[in-house]
């Protein structure tokens, strides 16, 4: 696997193949904006149907969105994802730039991953 960022806009780039990601595993990523790392980017992690199951009212895009599952990238824009639930997992990042006193511009990127159960638990209740 070789990561191939477009280096345009905002991107969440897996640093290793995301295929075969298992519950309890780890996968490293880098957040890039126009090919440059985004230091301290906030990554929102949402598991399959979580927003509805937990009756969340906040918007994923909200600056004040605080979840226990949020991840923050380091100074190089890198972070590690340790899935807490098998199934679909959604990683979402927003970068805001203030253009003037009253105008902001936001860039969003998202990535959906399928997290599998480890082989020794598949097919067991």
C-alpha atoms as a PDB file:
ATOM      1  CA  UNK A   1       0.000   0.000   0.000  1.00  0.00           C
ATOM      2  CA  UNK A   2       1.257   3.449  -0.930  1.00  0.00           C
ATOM      3  CA  UNK A   3      -0.671   6.525   0.188  1.00  0.00           C
ATOM      4  CA  UNK A   4      -1.466   8.783  -2.767  1.00  0.00           C
ATOM      5  CA  UNK A   5      -2.860  12.123  -1.587  1.00  0.00           C
ATOM      6  CA  UNK A   6      -4.301  14.489  -4.182  1.00  0.00           C
ATOM      7  CA  UNK A   7      -2.664  17.428  -2.330  1.00  0.00           C
ATOM      8  CA  UNK A   8      -5.722  19.533  -3.104  1.00  0.00           C
ATOM      9  CA  UNK A   9      -8.269  20.595  -0.511  1.00  0.00           C
ATOM     10  CA  UNK A  10      -8.678  18.795   2.794  1.00  0.00           C
ATOM     11  CA  UNK A  11      -7.840  15.075   2.962  1.00  0.00           C
ATOM     12  CA  UNK A  12      -7.697  12.268   5.522  1.00  0.00           C
ATOM     13  CA  UNK A  13      -4.960   9.930   4.287  1.00  0.00           C
ATOM     14  CA  UNK A  14      -4.473   6.384   5.657  1.00  0.00           C
ATOM     15  CA  UNK A  15      -0.758   5.730   6.212  1.00  0.00           C
ATOM     16  CA  UNK A  16      -1.299   1.968   5.836  1.00  0.00           C
ATOM     17  CA  UNK A  17      -3.938  -0.050   4.021  1.00  0.00           C
ATOM     18  CA  UNK A  18      -7.338   0.366   5.693  1.00  0.00           C
ATOM     19  CA  UNK A  19      -8.466  -2.998   4.310  1.00  0.00           C
ATOM     20  CA  UNK A  20      -8.871  -5.580   7.021  1.00  0.00           C
ATOM     21  CA  UNK A  21      -8.997  -3.139   9.945  1.00  0.00           C
ATOM     22  CA  UNK A  22     -10.060  -5.149  12.993  1.00  0.00           C
ATOM     23  CA  UNK A  23     -11.805  -4.210  16.201  1.00  0.00           C
ATOM     24  CA  UNK A  24      -9.040  -3.644  18.740  1.00  0.00           C
ATOM     25  CA  UNK A  25      -6.594  -2.758  15.975  1.00  0.00           C
ATOM     26  CA  UNK A  26      -4.970   0.520  15.050  1.00  0.00           C
ATOM     27  CA  UNK A  27      -4.633   2.539  11.867  1.00  0.00           C
ATOM     28  CA  UNK A  28      -2.609   5.733  11.440  1.00  0.00           C
ATOM     29  CA  UNK A  29      -3.691   8.694   9.324  1.00  0.00           C
ATOM     30  CA  UNK A  30      -2.501  12.130   8.273  1.00  0.00           C
ATOM     31  CA  UNK A  31      -4.734  15.162   7.732  1.00  0.00           C
ATOM     32  CA  UNK A  32      -3.566  17.342   4.838  1.00  0.00           C
ATOM     33  CA  UNK A  33      -4.806  20.644   3.481  1.00  0.00           C
ATOM     34  CA  UNK A  34      -3.468  21.396   0.023  1.00  0.00           C
ATOM     35  CA  UNK A  35      -0.704  18.861   0.620  1.00  0.00           C
ATOM     36  CA  UNK A  36       0.424  20.315   3.962  1.00  0.00           C
ATOM     37  CA  UNK A  37      -0.145  18.718   7.381  1.00  0.00           C
ATOM     38  CA  UNK A  38      -2.920  20.207   9.519  1.00  0.00           C
ATOM     39  CA  UNK A  39      -1.485  20.463  13.051  1.00  0.00           C
ATOM     40  CA  UNK A  40      -3.854  19.600  15.913  1.00  0.00           C
ATOM     41  CA  UNK A  41      -6.791  18.848  13.604  1.00  0.00           C
ATOM     42  CA  UNK A  42      -9.891  17.613  15.439  1.00  0.00           C
ATOM     43  CA  UNK A  43     -11.232  14.357  14.036  1.00  0.00           C
ATOM     44  CA  UNK A  44     -14.797  13.435  14.922  1.00  0.00           C
ATOM     45  CA  UNK A  45     -15.420   9.690  15.101  1.00  0.00           C
ATOM     46  CA  UNK A  46     -18.963   8.410  14.653  1.00  0.00           C
ATOM     47  CA  UNK A  47     -19.927   4.740  14.665  1.00  0.00           C
ATOM     48  CA  UNK A  48     -22.759   3.247  12.634  1.00  0.00           C
ATOM     49  CA  UNK A  49     -26.077   4.954  13.568  1.00  0.00           C
ATOM     50  CA  UNK A  50     -24.557   6.465  16.729  1.00  0.00           C
ATOM     51  CA  UNK A  51     -26.030   9.891  16.063  1.00  0.00           C
ATOM     52  CA  UNK A  52     -29.553   8.449  16.071  1.00  0.00           C
ATOM     53  CA  UNK A  53     -29.121   5.789  18.756  1.00  0.00           C
ATOM     54  CA  UNK A  54     -27.803   8.379  21.227  1.00  0.00           C
ATOM     55  CA  UNK A  55     -30.330  11.022  20.082  1.00  0.00           C
ATOM     56  CA  UNK A  56     -27.563  13.557  19.518  1.00  0.00           C
ATOM     57  CA  UNK A  57     -28.724  17.075  18.800  1.00  0.00           C
ATOM     58  CA  UNK A  58     -25.405  18.746  17.976  1.00  0.00           C
ATOM     59  CA  UNK A  59     -24.225  19.097  14.424  1.00  0.00           C
ATOM     60  CA  UNK A  60     -21.077  17.250  13.334  1.00  0.00           C
ATOM     61  CA  UNK A  61     -19.856  20.513  11.785  1.00  0.00           C
ATOM     62  CA  UNK A  62     -20.198  22.509  15.019  1.00  0.00           C
ATOM     63  CA  UNK A  63     -16.995  24.056  16.365  1.00  0.00           C
ATOM     64  CA  UNK A  64     -18.121  23.184  19.880  1.00  0.00           C
ATOM     65  CA  UNK A  65     -18.764  19.520  19.060  1.00  0.00           C
ATOM     66  CA  UNK A  66     -17.164  17.643  21.941  1.00  0.00           C
ATOM     67  CA  UNK A  67     -17.371  13.856  22.048  1.00  0.00           C
ATOM     68  CA  UNK A  68     -15.404  11.362  24.070  1.00  0.00           C
ATOM     69  CA  UNK A  69     -14.531   9.686  20.750  1.00  0.00           C
ATOM     70  CA  UNK A  70     -12.935  12.800  19.206  1.00  0.00           C
ATOM     71  CA  UNK A  71      -9.281  12.448  18.232  1.00  0.00           C
ATOM     72  CA  UNK A  72      -6.748  15.258  17.836  1.00  0.00           C
ATOM     73  CA  UNK A  73      -3.887  15.071  15.377  1.00  0.00           C
ATOM     74  CA  UNK A  74      -0.352  15.887  16.449  1.00  0.00           C
ATOM     75  CA  UNK A  75       1.772  18.756  15.088  1.00  0.00           C
ATOM     76  CA  UNK A  76       2.442  16.747  11.894  1.00  0.00           C
ATOM     77  CA  UNK A  77      -1.285  16.250  11.303  1.00  0.00           C
ATOM     78  CA  UNK A  78      -1.019  12.562  12.221  1.00  0.00           C
ATOM     79  CA  UNK A  79      -3.346  10.550  14.439  1.00  0.00           C
ATOM     80  CA  UNK A  80      -4.057   6.946  15.376  1.00  0.00           C
ATOM     81  CA  UNK A  81      -7.531   5.460  15.154  1.00  0.00           C
ATOM     82  CA  UNK A  82      -8.362   2.626  17.572  1.00  0.00           C
ATOM     83  CA  UNK A  83     -11.873   1.458  16.618  1.00  0.00           C
ATOM     84  CA  UNK A  84     -14.175   0.891  19.582  1.00  0.00           C
ATOM     85  CA  UNK A  85     -16.963  -0.739  17.595  1.00  0.00           C
ATOM     86  CA  UNK A  86     -17.096  -3.115  14.631  1.00  0.00           C
ATOM     87  CA  UNK A  87     -19.106  -2.051  11.593  1.00  0.00           C
ATOM     88  CA  UNK A  88     -19.049   1.266   9.791  1.00  0.00           C
ATOM     89  CA  UNK A  89     -16.976   4.041  11.343  1.00  0.00           C
ATOM     90  CA  UNK A  90     -17.035   7.600  10.056  1.00  0.00           C
ATOM     91  CA  UNK A  91     -14.038   9.934  10.455  1.00  0.00           C
ATOM     92  CA  UNK A  92     -14.787  13.598   9.878  1.00  0.00           C
ATOM     93  CA  UNK A  93     -12.555  16.671  10.001  1.00  0.00           C
ATOM     94  CA  UNK A  94     -13.312  20.362   9.476  1.00  0.00           C
ATOM     95  CA  UNK A  95     -10.805  23.190   9.115  1.00  0.00           C
ATOM     96  CA  UNK A  96     -11.999  26.776   9.551  1.00  0.00           C
ATOM     97  CA  UNK A  97     -10.260  29.883   8.206  1.00  0.00           C
ATOM     98  CA  UNK A  98     -11.361  33.383   9.149  1.00  0.00           C
ATOM     99  CA  UNK A  99     -11.329  35.462   5.964  1.00  0.00           C
ATOM    100  CA  UNK A 100     -12.322  38.702   7.673  1.00  0.00           C
ATOM    101  CA  UNK A 101     -14.105  39.860  10.824  1.00  0.00           C
ATOM    102  CA  UNK A 102     -17.462  38.477   9.697  1.00  0.00           C
ATOM    103  CA  UNK A 103     -16.633  35.756   7.192  1.00  0.00           C
ATOM    104  CA  UNK A 104     -15.316  32.240   7.741  1.00  0.00           C
ATOM    105  CA  UNK A 105     -14.485  29.543   5.219  1.00  0.00           C
ATOM    106  CA  UNK A 106     -14.719  25.865   6.152  1.00  0.00           C
ATOM    107  CA  UNK A 107     -13.251  22.798   4.471  1.00  0.00           C
ATOM    108  CA  UNK A 108     -14.579  19.326   5.321  1.00  0.00           C
ATOM    109  CA  UNK A 109     -13.263  15.843   4.660  1.00  0.00           C
ATOM    110  CA  UNK A 110     -14.659  12.492   5.684  1.00  0.00           C
ATOM    111  CA  UNK A 111     -13.715   8.862   5.434  1.00  0.00           C
ATOM    112  CA  UNK A 112     -15.880   5.813   6.084  1.00  0.00           C
ATOM    113  CA  UNK A 113     -14.169   2.623   7.220  1.00  0.00           C
ATOM    114  CA  UNK A 114     -15.496  -0.853   7.794  1.00  0.00           C
ATOM    115  CA  UNK A 115     -14.111  -2.333  10.993  1.00  0.00           C
ATOM    116  CA  UNK A 116     -14.248  -6.126  11.134  1.00  0.00           C
ATOM    117  CA  UNK A 117     -14.435  -8.469  14.093  1.00  0.00           C
ATOM    118  CA  UNK A 118     -11.256 -10.418  14.870  1.00  0.00           C
ATOM    119  CA  UNK A 119     -11.314 -13.908  13.290  1.00  0.00           C
ATOM    120  CA  UNK A 120     -11.775 -15.690  16.632  1.00  0.00           C
ATOM    121  CA  UNK A 121     -15.062 -13.831  17.330  1.00  0.00           C
ATOM    122  CA  UNK A 122     -16.750 -13.981  13.927  1.00  0.00           C
ATOM    123  CA  UNK A 123     -19.941 -15.988  13.869  1.00  0.00           C
ATOM    124  CA  UNK A 124     -20.200 -16.122  17.668  1.00  0.00           C
ATOM    125  CA  UNK A 125     -23.111 -14.467  19.494  1.00  0.00           C
END
